[in-house]
All heavy atoms as atom14 arrays in JSON, in Angstrom:
{
  "sequence": "VEDPGTYKCEDNSRWTYNVGDEFRACPSTGKPTVWEKT",
  "atom14_mask": [
    [1, 1, 1, 1, 1, 1, 1, 0, 0, 0, 0, 0, 0, 0],
    [1, 1, 1, 1, 1, 1, 1, 1, 1, 0, 0, 0, 0, 0],
    [1, 1, 1, 1, 1, 1, 1, 1, 0, 0, 0, 0, 0, 0],
    [1, 1, 1, 1, 1, 1, 1, 0, 0, 0, 0, 0, 0, 0],
    [1, 1, 1, 1, 0, 0, 0, 0, 0, 0, 0, 0, 0, 0],
    [1, 1, 1, 1, 1, 1, 1, 0, 0, 0, 0, 0, 0, 0],
    [1, 1, 1, 1, 1, 1, 1, 1, 1, 1, 1, 1, 0, 0],
    [1, 1, 1, 1, 1, 1, 1, 1, 1, 0, 0, 0, 0, 0],
    [1, 1, 1, 1, 1, 1, 0, 0, 0, 0, 0, 0, 0, 0],
    [1, 1, 1, 1, 1, 1, 1, 1, 1, 0, 0, 0, 0, 0],
    [1, 1, 1, 1, 1, 1, 1, 1, 0, 0, 0, 0, 0, 0],
    [1, 1, 1, 1, 1, 1, 1, 1, 0, 0, 0, 0, 0, 0],
    [1, 1, 1, 1, 1, 1, 0, 0, 0, 0, 0, 0, 0, 0],
    [1, 1, 1, 1, 1, 1, 1, 1, 1, 1, 1, 0, 0, 0],
    [1, 1, 1, 1, 1, 1, 1, 1, 1, 1, 1, 1, 1, 1],
    [1, 1, 1, 1, 1, 1, 1, 0, 0, 0, 0, 0, 0, 0],
    [1, 1, 1, 1, 1, 1, 1, 1, 1, 1, 1, 1, 0, 0],
    [1, 1, 1, 1, 1, 1, 1, 1, 0, 0, 0, 0, 0, 0],
    [1, 1, 1, 1, 1, 1, 1, 0, 0, 0, 0, 0, 0, 0],
    [1, 1, 1, 1, 0, 0, 0, 0, 0, 0, 0, 0, 0, 0],
    [1, 1, 1, 1, 1, 1, 1, 1, 0, 0, 0, 0, 0, 0],
    [1, 1, 1, 1, 1, 1, 1, 1, 1, 0, 0, 0, 0, 0],
    [1, 1, 1, 1, 1, 1, 1, 1, 1, 1, 1, 0, 0, 0],
    [1, 1, 1, 1, 1, 1, 1, 1, 1, 1, 1, 0, 0, 0],
    [1, 1, 1, 1, 1, 0, 0, 0, 0, 0, 0, 0, 0, 0],
    [1, 1, 1, 1, 1, 1, 0, 0, 0, 0, 0, 0, 0, 0],
    [1, 1, 1, 1, 1, 1, 1, 0, 0, 0, 0, 0, 0, 0],
    [1, 1, 1, 1, 1, 1, 0, 0, 0, 0, 0, 0, 0, 0],
    [1, 1, 1, 1, 1, 1, 1, 0, 0, 0, 0, 0, 0, 0],
    [1, 1, 1, 1, 0, 0, 0, 0, 0, 0, 0, 0, 0, 0],
    [1, 1, 1, 1, 1, 1, 1, 1, 1, 0, 0, 0, 0, 0],
    [1, 1, 1, 1, 1, 1, 1, 0, 0, 0, 0, 0, 0, 0],
    [1, 1, 1, 1, 1, 1, 1, 0, 0, 0, 0, 0, 0, 0],
    [1, 1, 1, 1, 1, 1, 1, 0, 0, 0, 0, 0, 0, 0],
    [1, 1, 1, 1, 1, 1, 1, 1, 1, 1, 1, 1, 1, 1],
    [1, 1, 1, 1, 1, 1, 1, 1, 1, 0, 0, 0, 0, 0],
    [1, 1, 1, 1, 1, 1, 1, 1, 1, 0, 0, 0, 0, 0],
    [1, 1, 1, 1, 1, 1, 1, 0, 0, 0, 0, 0, 0, 0]
  ],
  "atom14_positions": [
    [[92.33, 101.72, 103.05], [92.65, 101.12, 101.77], [92.51, 99.6, 101.85], [93.02, 98.97, 102.78], [94.11, 101.46, 101.38], [94.52, 100.8, 100.09], [94.28, 103.0, 101.29], [0.0, 0.0, 0.0], [0.0, 0.0, 0.0], [0.0, 0.0, 0.0], [0.0, 0.0, 0.0], [0.0, 0.0, 0.0], [0.0, 0.0, 0.0], [0.0, 0.0, 0.0]],
    [[91.78, 99.02, 100.91], [91.6, 97.57, 100.85], [92.4, 96.96, 99.69], [92.71, 95.77, 99.73], [90.14, 97.21, 100.72], [89.32, 97.63, 101.95], [87.85, 97.28, 101.8], [87.46, 96.63, 100.81], [87.09, 97.69, 102.71], [0.0, 0.0, 0.0], [0.0, 0.0, 0.0], [0.0, 0.0, 0.0], [0.0, 0.0, 0.0], [0.0, 0.0, 0.0]],
    [[92.7, 97.75, 98.67], [93.4, 97.23, 97.51], [94.66, 98.11, 97.32], [94.57, 99.24, 96.88], [92.49, 97.32, 96.25], [93.03, 96.6, 95.05], [94.1, 95.96, 95.16], [92.39, 96.65, 94.01], [0.0, 0.0, 0.0], [0.0, 0.0, 0.0], [0.0, 0.0, 0.0], [0.0, 0.0, 0.0], [0.0, 0.0, 0.0], [0.0, 0.0, 0.0]],
    [[95.86, 97.57, 97.63], [97.07, 98.37, 97.56], [97.44, 98.76, 96.15], [97.08, 98.1, 95.2], [98.11, 97.45, 98.18], [97.63, 96.09, 97.9], [96.14, 96.18, 97.96], [0.0, 0.0, 0.0], [0.0, 0.0, 0.0], [0.0, 0.0, 0.0], [0.0, 0.0, 0.0], [0.0, 0.0, 0.0], [0.0, 0.0, 0.0], [0.0, 0.0, 0.0]],
    [[98.17, 99.86, 96.03], [98.65, 100.29, 94.72], [98.72, 101.82, 94.64], [98.6, 102.5, 95.65], [0.0, 0.0, 0.0], [0.0, 0.0, 0.0], [0.0, 0.0, 0.0], [0.0, 0.0, 0.0], [0.0, 0.0, 0.0], [0.0, 0.0, 0.0], [0.0, 0.0, 0.0], [0.0, 0.0, 0.0], [0.0, 0.0, 0.0], [0.0, 0.0, 0.0]],
    [[98.89, 102.32, 93.41], [98.97, 103.74, 93.18], [97.6, 104.26, 92.81], [96.94, 103.68, 91.93], [99.99, 104.04, 92.09], [101.26, 103.57, 92.49], [100.1, 105.55, 91.84], [0.0, 0.0, 0.0], [0.0, 0.0, 0.0], [0.0, 0.0, 0.0], [0.0, 0.0, 0.0], [0.0, 0.0, 0.0], [0.0, 0.0, 0.0], [0.0, 0.0, 0.0]],
    [[97.2, 105.33, 93.41], [95.9, 105.95, 93.2], [96.1, 107.4, 92.75], [97.12, 108.01, 93.11], [95.07, 105.96, 94.48], [94.53, 104.61, 94.86], [95.37, 103.63, 95.42], [93.18, 104.28, 94.7], [94.89, 102.39, 95.79], [92.69, 103.05, 95.04], [93.54, 102.11, 95.59], [93.05, 100.87, 95.94], [0.0, 0.0, 0.0], [0.0, 0.0, 0.0]],
    [[95.12, 107.94, 92.05], [95.15, 109.36, 91.71], [93.89, 109.99, 92.22], [92.84, 109.39, 92.26], [95.31, 109.6, 90.2], [94.16, 109.11, 89.35], [94.43, 109.39, 87.89], [93.27, 108.85, 87.05], [93.46, 109.12, 85.62], [0.0, 0.0, 0.0], [0.0, 0.0, 0.0], [0.0, 0.0, 0.0], [0.0, 0.0, 0.0], [0.0, 0.0, 0.0]],
    [[94.0, 111.25, 92.65], [92.83, 111.96, 93.15], [92.22, 112.79, 92.06], [92.66, 112.79, 90.9], [93.21, 112.81, 94.36], [94.2, 114.28, 93.96], [0.0, 0.0, 0.0], [0.0, 0.0, 0.0], [0.0, 0.0, 0.0], [0.0, 0.0, 0.0], [0.0, 0.0, 0.0], [0.0, 0.0, 0.0], [0.0, 0.0, 0.0], [0.0, 0.0, 0.0]],
    [[91.16, 113.51, 92.41], [90.44, 114.32, 91.43], [91.3, 115.39, 90.79], [91.01, 115.89, 89.71], [89.19, 114.92, 92.09], [88.21, 113.87, 92.53], [87.13, 114.38, 93.47], [87.5, 115.07, 94.45], [85.97, 114.1, 93.24], [0.0, 0.0, 0.0], [0.0, 0.0, 0.0], [0.0, 0.0, 0.0], [0.0, 0.0, 0.0], [0.0, 0.0, 0.0]],
    [[92.4, 115.73, 91.47], [93.32, 116.75, 90.97], [94.47, 116.12, 90.18], [95.43, 116.77, 89.82], [93.88, 117.55, 92.17], [94.55, 118.85, 91.77], [94.07, 119.48, 90.8], [95.53, 119.21, 92.4], [0.0, 0.0, 0.0], [0.0, 0.0, 0.0], [0.0, 0.0, 0.0], [0.0, 0.0, 0.0], [0.0, 0.0, 0.0], [0.0, 0.0, 0.0]],
    [[94.42, 114.8, 89.98], [95.43, 114.01, 89.28], [96.74, 113.83, 90.03], [97.73, 113.45, 89.45], [95.66, 114.5, 87.85], [94.67, 113.99, 86.9], [94.14, 112.87, 87.04], [94.34, 114.76, 85.86], [0.0, 0.0, 0.0], [0.0, 0.0, 0.0], [0.0, 0.0, 0.0], [0.0, 0.0, 0.0], [0.0, 0.0, 0.0], [0.0, 0.0, 0.0]],
    [[96.74, 114.2, 91.3], [97.93, 113.87, 92.14], [97.93, 112.39, 92.36], [96.88, 111.76, 92.49], [97.85, 114.61, 93.48], [97.89, 116.01, 93.28], [0.0, 0.0, 0.0], [0.0, 0.0, 0.0], [0.0, 0.0, 0.0], [0.0, 0.0, 0.0], [0.0, 0.0, 0.0], [0.0, 0.0, 0.0], [0.0, 0.0, 0.0], [0.0, 0.0, 0.0]],
    [[99.13, 111.77, 92.41], [99.24, 110.33, 92.63], [99.88, 110.04, 93.96], [100.75, 110.76, 94.41], [100.04, 109.72, 91.47], [99.22, 109.64, 90.19], [100.05, 109.17, 89.02], [99.3, 108.8, 87.85], [98.59, 109.61, 87.1], [98.5, 110.9, 87.44], [97.97, 109.2, 86.03], [0.0, 0.0, 0.0], [0.0, 0.0, 0.0], [0.0, 0.0, 0.0]],
    [[99.43, 108.91, 94.56], [99.96, 108.48, 95.85], [99.89, 106.97, 95.91], [98.91, 106.39, 95.44], [99.11, 109.11, 96.97], [99.88, 109.21, 98.25], [99.77, 108.36, 99.32], [100.83, 110.2, 98.62], [100.6, 108.77, 100.33], [101.29, 109.9, 99.93], [101.36, 111.33, 97.98], [102.22, 110.67, 100.59], [102.28, 112.07, 98.63], [102.71, 111.76, 99.93]],
    [[100.89, 106.35, 96.5], [100.89, 104.9, 96.63], [100.48, 104.52, 98.03], [100.97, 105.06, 99.02], [102.3, 104.32, 96.32], [102.65, 104.72, 94.99], [102.3, 102.81, 96.43], [0.0, 0.0, 0.0], [0.0, 0.0, 0.0], [0.0, 0.0, 0.0], [0.0, 0.0, 0.0], [0.0, 0.0, 0.0], [0.0, 0.0, 0.0], [0.0, 0.0, 0.0]],
    [[99.52, 103.58, 98.1], [98.93, 103.12, 99.38], [99.13, 101.64, 99.58], [99.16, 100.88, 98.6], [97.44, 103.44, 99.44], [97.08, 104.88, 99.52], [96.69, 105.6, 98.37], [97.13, 105.57, 100.72], [96.34, 106.94, 98.42], [96.8, 106.92, 100.77], [96.42, 107.58, 99.63], [96.06, 108.92, 99.71], [0.0, 0.0, 0.0], [0.0, 0.0, 0.0]],
    [[99.2, 101.23, 100.83], [99.21, 99.82, 101.25], [97.9, 99.48, 101.94], [97.19, 100.38, 102.41], [100.4, 99.55, 102.19], [101.73, 99.74, 101.5], [101.99, 99.16, 100.46], [102.58, 100.57, 102.09], [0.0, 0.0, 0.0], [0.0, 0.0, 0.0], [0.0, 0.0, 0.0], [0.0, 0.0, 0.0], [0.0, 0.0, 0.0], [0.0, 0.0, 0.0]],
    [[97.61, 98.2, 102.05], [96.4, 97.77, 102.76], [96.43, 98.3, 104.18], [97.46, 98.22, 104.86], [96.29, 96.22, 102.78], [95.15, 95.75, 103.68], [96.11, 95.67, 101.37], [0.0, 0.0, 0.0], [0.0, 0.0, 0.0], [0.0, 0.0, 0.0], [0.0, 0.0, 0.0], [0.0, 0.0, 0.0], [0.0, 0.0, 0.0], [0.0, 0.0, 0.0]],
    [[95.33, 98.88, 104.63], [95.24, 99.42, 105.98], [95.58, 100.89, 106.08], [95.27, 101.53, 107.08], [0.0, 0.0, 0.0], [0.0, 0.0, 0.0], [0.0, 0.0, 0.0], [0.0, 0.0, 0.0], [0.0, 0.0, 0.0], [0.0, 0.0, 0.0], [0.0, 0.0, 0.0], [0.0, 0.0, 0.0], [0.0, 0.0, 0.0], [0.0, 0.0, 0.0]],
    [[96.25, 101.45, 105.04], [96.47, 102.9, 105.04], [95.14, 103.61, 104.98], [94.14, 103.05, 104.61], [97.31, 103.32, 103.82], [98.77, 102.89, 103.87], [99.23, 102.47, 104.97], [99.44, 103.0, 102.85], [0.0, 0.0, 0.0], [0.0, 0.0, 0.0], [0.0, 0.0, 0.0], [0.0, 0.0, 0.0], [0.0, 0.0, 0.0], [0.0, 0.0, 0.0]],
    [[95.15, 104.89, 105.3], [93.96, 105.72, 105.21], [94.14, 106.67, 104.04], [95.18, 107.34, 103.94], [93.78, 106.48, 106.51], [92.43, 107.13, 106.65], [92.25, 107.72, 108.02], [91.99, 106.95, 108.98], [92.41, 108.95, 108.14], [0.0, 0.0, 0.0], [0.0, 0.0, 0.0], [0.0, 0.0, 0.0], [0.0, 0.0, 0.0], [0.0, 0.0, 0.0]],
    [[93.13, 106.72, 103.15], [93.2, 107.68, 102.05], [93.31, 109.09, 102.62], [92.51, 109.49, 103.49], [91.97, 107.58, 101.13], [91.97, 106.35, 100.28], [91.1, 105.3, 100.52], [92.83, 106.25, 99.18], [91.11, 104.17, 99.71], [92.84, 105.11, 98.39], [91.97, 104.07, 98.67], [0.0, 0.0, 0.0], [0.0, 0.0, 0.0], [0.0, 0.0, 0.0]],
    [[94.26, 109.84, 102.14], [94.52, 111.19, 102.62], [93.74, 112.24, 101.84], [93.12, 111.91, 100.83], [96.03, 111.49, 102.55], [96.58, 111.38, 101.13], [98.04, 111.69, 101.02], [98.19, 113.12, 101.15], [99.35, 113.74, 101.36], [100.43, 113.05, 101.5], [99.42, 115.05, 101.46], [0.0, 0.0, 0.0], [0.0, 0.0, 0.0], [0.0, 0.0, 0.0]],
    [[93.8, 113.47, 102.32], [93.23, 114.56, 101.56], [94.09, 114.82, 100.32], [95.22, 114.34, 100.24], [93.19, 115.82, 102.46], [0.0, 0.0, 0.0], [0.0, 0.0, 0.0], [0.0, 0.0, 0.0], [0.0, 0.0, 0.0], [0.0, 0.0, 0.0], [0.0, 0.0, 0.0], [0.0, 0.0, 0.0], [0.0, 0.0, 0.0], [0.0, 0.0, 0.0]],
    [[93.59, 115.56, 99.38], [94.35, 115.88, 98.16], [95.64, 116.59, 98.53], [95.62, 117.57, 99.27], [93.51, 116.76, 97.25], [94.39, 117.32, 95.8], [0.0, 0.0, 0.0], [0.0, 0.0, 0.0], [0.0, 0.0, 0.0], [0.0, 0.0, 0.0], [0.0, 0.0, 0.0], [0.0, 0.0, 0.0], [0.0, 0.0, 0.0], [0.0, 0.0, 0.0]],
    [[96.8, 116.08, 98.06], [98.06, 116.72, 98.39], [98.17, 118.15, 97.8], [98.88, 118.98, 98.38], [99.12, 115.82, 97.72], [98.45, 114.54, 97.44], [97.0, 114.85, 97.29], [0.0, 0.0, 0.0], [0.0, 0.0, 0.0], [0.0, 0.0, 0.0], [0.0, 0.0, 0.0], [0.0, 0.0, 0.0], [0.0, 0.0, 0.0], [0.0, 0.0, 0.0]],
    [[97.46, 118.45, 96.73], [97.52, 119.77, 96.12], [96.62, 120.8, 96.81], [97.01, 121.95, 96.99], [97.12, 119.69, 94.64], [98.02, 118.86, 93.94], [0.0, 0.0, 0.0], [0.0, 0.0, 0.0], [0.0, 0.0, 0.0], [0.0, 0.0, 0.0], [0.0, 0.0, 0.0], [0.0, 0.0, 0.0], [0.0, 0.0, 0.0], [0.0, 0.0, 0.0]],
    [[95.4, 120.37, 97.16], [94.43, 121.29, 97.71], [94.21, 121.18, 99.22], [93.72, 122.11, 99.83], [93.06, 121.14, 97.03], [92.53, 119.86, 97.4], [93.16, 121.23, 95.52], [0.0, 0.0, 0.0], [0.0, 0.0, 0.0], [0.0, 0.0, 0.0], [0.0, 0.0, 0.0], [0.0, 0.0, 0.0], [0.0, 0.0, 0.0], [0.0, 0.0, 0.0]],
    [[94.57, 120.02, 99.78], [94.35, 119.79, 101.21], [92.88, 119.47, 101.55], [92.52, 119.37, 102.71], [0.0, 0.0, 0.0], [0.0, 0.0, 0.0], [0.0, 0.0, 0.0], [0.0, 0.0, 0.0], [0.0, 0.0, 0.0], [0.0, 0.0, 0.0], [0.0, 0.0, 0.0], [0.0, 0.0, 0.0], [0.0, 0.0, 0.0], [0.0, 0.0, 0.0]],
    [[92.07, 119.3, 100.52], [90.62, 119.08, 100.73], [90.32, 117.58, 100.55], [91.03, 116.88, 99.86], [89.81, 119.89, 99.72], [89.97, 121.37, 99.93], [89.15, 122.12, 98.94], [89.31, 123.62, 99.18], [88.54, 124.42, 98.24], [0.0, 0.0, 0.0], [0.0, 0.0, 0.0], [0.0, 0.0, 0.0], [0.0, 0.0, 0.0], [0.0, 0.0, 0.0]],
    [[89.24, 117.12, 101.15], [88.79, 115.71, 100.97], [88.57, 115.44, 99.49], [88.16, 116.35, 98.74], [87.47, 115.63, 101.72], [87.57, 116.69, 102.77], [88.34, 117.82, 102.1], [0.0, 0.0, 0.0], [0.0, 0.0, 0.0], [0.0, 0.0, 0.0], [0.0, 0.0, 0.0], [0.0, 0.0, 0.0], [0.0, 0.0, 0.0], [0.0, 0.0, 0.0]],
    [[88.87, 114.22, 99.06], [88.79, 113.91, 97.66], [88.43, 112.42, 97.45], [88.34, 111.69, 98.43], [90.13, 114.22, 96.94], [89.97, 114.11, 95.53], [91.25, 113.34, 97.43], [0.0, 0.0, 0.0], [0.0, 0.0, 0.0], [0.0, 0.0, 0.0], [0.0, 0.0, 0.0], [0.0, 0.0, 0.0], [0.0, 0.0, 0.0], [0.0, 0.0, 0.0]],
    [[88.25, 112.03, 96.21], [88.03, 110.62, 95.84], [89.31, 110.18, 95.16], [89.84, 110.85, 94.26], [86.82, 110.51, 94.89], [86.71, 109.04, 94.39], [85.54, 110.9, 95.6], [0.0, 0.0, 0.0], [0.0, 0.0, 0.0], [0.0, 0.0, 0.0], [0.0, 0.0, 0.0], [0.0, 0.0, 0.0], [0.0, 0.0, 0.0], [0.0, 0.0, 0.0]],
    [[89.79, 108.99, 95.57], [91.0, 108.39, 94.97], [90.58, 107.22, 94.09], [89.72, 106.44, 94.47], [91.92, 107.9, 96.08], [92.55, 109.03, 96.85], [92.04, 109.61, 97.98], [93.76, 109.67, 96.58], [92.87, 110.61, 98.41], [93.95, 110.65, 97.57], [94.72, 109.53, 95.57], [95.07, 111.5, 97.58], [95.84, 110.35, 95.6], [96.0, 111.34, 96.61]],
    [[91.2, 107.13, 92.92], [90.92, 106.03, 91.99], [92.2, 105.34, 91.64], [93.22, 106.0, 91.33], [90.28, 106.59, 90.71], [89.92, 105.54, 89.72], [89.22, 106.12, 88.51], [88.04, 106.55, 88.66], [89.83, 106.16, 87.43], [0.0, 0.0, 0.0], [0.0, 0.0, 0.0], [0.0, 0.0, 0.0], [0.0, 0.0, 0.0], [0.0, 0.0, 0.0]],
    [[92.22, 104.0, 91.71], [93.42, 103.23, 91.45], [93.85, 103.41, 89.99], [93.01, 103.38, 89.09], [93.24, 101.77, 91.77], [94.54, 101.0, 91.78], [94.36, 99.6, 92.31], [95.7, 98.9, 92.39], [95.54, 97.52, 92.84], [0.0, 0.0, 0.0], [0.0, 0.0, 0.0], [0.0, 0.0, 0.0], [0.0, 0.0, 0.0], [0.0, 0.0, 0.0]],
    [[95.13, 103.56, 89.8], [95.71, 103.7, 88.46], [96.79, 102.63, 88.24], [97.34, 102.14, 89.22], [96.28, 105.13, 88.23], [96.86, 105.16, 86.95], [97.34, 105.46, 89.25], [0.0, 0.0, 0.0], [0.0, 0.0, 0.0], [0.0, 0.0, 0.0], [0.0, 0.0, 0.0], [0.0, 0.0, 0.0], [0.0, 0.0, 0.0], [0.0, 0.0, 0.0]]
  ]
}
């Protein structure tokens, strides 16, 4: 993560990240996903 804040994945699950965190898999499906800042 380079830009801290709250992100949502393709499944609309939300997660808050800090700089240096690693984007996780989707909390709902456990599969790799794309996160978009919200």
